[in-house]
Protein backbone atom coordinates (compact mmCIF):
# COMPACT_ATOMS: atom_id res chain seq x y z
CA MET A 1 -27.28 6.19 -0.73
CA THR A 2 -27.51 3.92 2.28
CA ASN A 3 -24.44 2.67 4.16
CA ALA A 4 -24.89 -0.78 2.62
CA MET A 5 -24.91 0.75 -0.87
CA TRP A 6 -21.75 2.77 -0.10
CA LEU A 7 -20.00 -0.38 1.12
CA GLN A 8 -21.13 -2.26 -1.97
CA SER A 9 -19.87 0.51 -4.26
CA VAL A 10 -16.49 0.61 -2.46
CA GLU A 11 -16.16 -3.20 -2.83
CA TRP A 12 -17.14 -3.07 -6.51
CA LEU A 13 -14.71 -0.28 -7.35
CA ALA A 14 -11.82 -1.69 -5.25
CA ALA A 15 -12.18 -5.06 -7.00
CA ALA A 16 -10.44 -3.46 -10.01
CA ALA A 17 -7.32 -2.81 -7.90
CA THR A 18 -4.34 -5.18 -7.91
CA ASP A 19 -4.64 -5.13 -4.10
CA PRO A 20 -8.25 -4.27 -3.10
CA ARG A 21 -7.38 -4.06 0.63
CA ALA A 22 -4.56 -1.57 0.03
CA CYS A 23 -6.88 0.40 -2.25
CA LYS A 24 -9.57 0.69 0.44
CA ARG A 25 -6.96 1.57 3.06
CA GLU A 26 -5.62 4.36 0.81
CA TRP A 27 -9.14 5.72 0.31
CA ASP A 28 -9.79 5.64 4.07
CA GLN A 29 -6.49 7.08 5.24
CA GLY A 30 -5.11 8.93 2.21
CA SER A 31 -6.37 12.14 0.69
CA GLY A 32 -6.20 11.21 -2.97
CA GLY A 33 -7.47 8.76 -5.47
CA VAL A 34 -5.89 5.45 -6.41
CA LEU A 35 -4.84 4.19 -9.81
CA LEU A 36 -7.09 1.39 -11.04
CA GLU A 37 -6.61 -0.59 -14.23
CA ALA A 38 -9.28 -0.26 -16.88
CA GLY A 39 -10.28 -3.08 -19.19
CA ARG A 40 -11.25 -5.81 -16.73
CA PHE A 41 -14.51 -4.66 -15.12
CA TRP A 42 -14.94 -1.40 -17.01
CA ASP A 43 -13.44 0.94 -19.58
CA VAL A 44 -13.51 4.73 -19.33
CA LEU A 45 -14.31 7.13 -22.12
CA SER A 46 -12.68 10.46 -21.24
CA VAL A 47 -14.12 13.49 -23.04
CA PRO A 48 -13.72 17.27 -22.81
CA GLU A 49 -15.70 18.64 -19.85
CA GLN A 50 -18.24 20.76 -21.77
CA LEU A 51 -19.09 17.88 -24.11
CA GLY A 52 -19.29 15.40 -21.23
CA LEU A 53 -21.57 17.51 -19.05
CA LEU A 54 -23.91 18.21 -21.97
CA ALA A 55 -24.00 14.50 -22.90
CA LEU A 56 -24.75 13.63 -19.27
CA ASP A 57 -27.69 16.09 -19.28
CA ILE A 58 -29.00 14.36 -22.40
CA LEU A 59 -28.64 10.93 -20.75
CA TRP A 60 -30.58 12.14 -17.67
CA CYS A 61 -33.52 13.06 -19.93
CA ASP A 62 -34.27 9.37 -20.64
CA PRO A 63 -36.64 8.29 -17.84
CA LEU A 64 -36.03 4.61 -18.62
CA GLN A 65 -32.31 4.76 -18.05
CA VAL A 66 -30.11 5.87 -15.16
CA PRO A 67 -26.65 6.98 -16.32
CA GLY A 68 -23.70 4.92 -15.10
CA PRO A 69 -20.71 5.98 -13.01
CA THR A 70 -19.30 9.30 -14.18
CA LEU A 71 -16.19 11.04 -12.93
CA VAL A 72 -15.09 14.66 -13.44
CA ASP A 73 -11.53 15.94 -13.26
CA SER A 74 -11.91 19.68 -12.74
CA ALA A 75 -8.16 20.32 -13.15
CA ALA A 76 -7.94 18.55 -16.52
CA HIS A 77 -11.46 19.71 -17.54
CA ARG A 78 -12.50 16.18 -18.50
CA VAL A 79 -15.42 13.87 -17.79
CA GLY A 80 -14.97 10.08 -17.63
CA PHE A 81 -17.84 7.75 -18.44
CA PHE A 82 -17.49 4.18 -17.12
CA LEU A 83 -18.68 1.62 -19.68
CA PRO A 84 -18.44 -2.12 -20.30
CA PRO A 85 -14.98 -3.31 -21.41
CA ASP A 86 -14.70 -3.42 -25.18
CA PRO A 87 -11.26 -4.15 -26.64
CA ALA A 88 -12.52 -3.55 -30.18
CA SER A 89 -14.10 -0.20 -29.35
CA LEU A 90 -13.49 2.64 -31.80
CA TRP A 91 -14.51 5.98 -30.31
CA VAL A 92 -13.89 8.72 -32.85
CA GLY A 93 -14.14 12.41 -32.06
CA SER A 94 -12.16 15.44 -31.10
CA GLY A 95 -10.63 15.04 -27.66
CA LEU A 96 -12.12 11.57 -26.97
CA ARG A 97 -9.85 9.09 -25.19
CA HIS A 98 -10.87 5.46 -24.75
CA LEU A 99 -9.12 3.92 -21.74
CA GLY A 100 -9.24 0.14 -21.87
CA LYS A 101 -6.92 -2.77 -21.06
CA GLY A 102 -3.46 -1.50 -20.16
CA SER A 103 -4.71 1.95 -19.16
CA TRP A 104 -4.77 3.25 -15.60
CA VAL A 105 -7.36 5.65 -14.22
CA ALA A 106 -7.06 7.79 -11.07
CA VAL A 107 -10.22 7.11 -9.06
CA PRO A 108 -11.40 8.71 -5.82
CA PRO A 109 -13.44 6.73 -3.30
CA PRO A 110 -17.15 6.66 -4.18
CA TYR A 111 -18.05 8.62 -1.02
CA ARG A 112 -15.87 11.75 -1.42
CA SER A 113 -13.79 13.76 -3.84
CA ALA A 114 -10.00 13.56 -3.99
CA GLY A 115 -8.30 16.73 -5.16
CA SER A 116 -9.73 17.62 -8.56
CA LEU A 117 -11.40 14.18 -8.97
CA GLU A 118 -15.06 13.94 -8.08
CA TRP A 119 -17.91 11.57 -8.88
CA ILE A 120 -20.83 13.24 -10.65
CA ILE A 121 -22.55 9.84 -10.47
CA PRO A 122 -20.78 7.44 -8.09
CA PRO A 123 -20.92 3.71 -8.79
CA ASP A 124 -23.89 2.09 -7.06
CA GLY A 125 -22.11 -1.21 -6.42
CA THR A 126 -24.33 -3.25 -8.75
CA GLY A 127 -21.88 -3.09 -11.64
CA ALA A 128 -24.21 -0.86 -13.67
CA LEU A 129 -22.31 1.02 -16.38
CA HIS A 130 -23.14 3.39 -19.23
CA PRO A 131 -24.45 1.45 -22.24
CA ALA A 132 -22.05 2.30 -25.08
CA ALA A 133 -24.82 2.87 -27.66
CA SER A 134 -26.73 5.35 -25.46
CA LEU A 135 -23.53 7.19 -24.60
CA GLU A 136 -22.50 7.42 -28.26
CA LEU A 137 -25.90 8.85 -29.18
CA ALA A 138 -25.77 11.40 -26.34
CA LEU A 139 -22.24 12.46 -27.33
CA ARG A 140 -23.29 12.94 -30.97
CA GLN A 141 -26.27 15.01 -29.89
CA ALA A 142 -24.09 17.07 -27.50
CA ASN A 143 -21.48 17.56 -30.23
CA GLY A 144 -24.17 18.85 -32.59
CA THR A 145 -25.40 21.30 -29.95
CA LEU A 146 -21.86 22.53 -29.27
CA ALA A 147 -21.22 22.98 -33.00
CA VAL A 148 -24.29 25.23 -33.20
CA LEU A 149 -23.38 27.17 -30.05
CA ALA A 150 -19.69 27.73 -30.92
CA PRO A 151 -20.27 30.30 -33.69
CA LEU A 152 -22.76 32.13 -31.46
CA SER A 153 -20.23 32.48 -28.63
CA GLU A 154 -17.68 34.01 -31.04
CA GLU A 155 -19.99 36.85 -32.08
């Protein structure tokens, strides 16, 4: 990413903060992430790490589509997919958590990790997000693969 793209991604992400200036200052001078409210510019679908990484691999296989911002929390073993806000969204599945309006998400700056939080795919500053339909399809496919692999790993 170029410097201009990094600046654009910082501005885009900080716009979700109640005080964007304080958010950017914390990223610059602090060592951690900041809490940003979901539901205005984006929602986050948080999934178990193994499922999320497999789904992300599936999404990368589509040459016509670049996956959206994706965050991993290595301490919680979860992957967060940033998608368009959808108050009526019904994500069903084991371990899936939809974080929309009224939810807060710990977010590191787009240019470095913060503790256990790290961008697998940082925001590019354009506002591009994961399309919900593509993500749902990838998660179903990943879930099917994991269901097949689970009995094999127990043998």
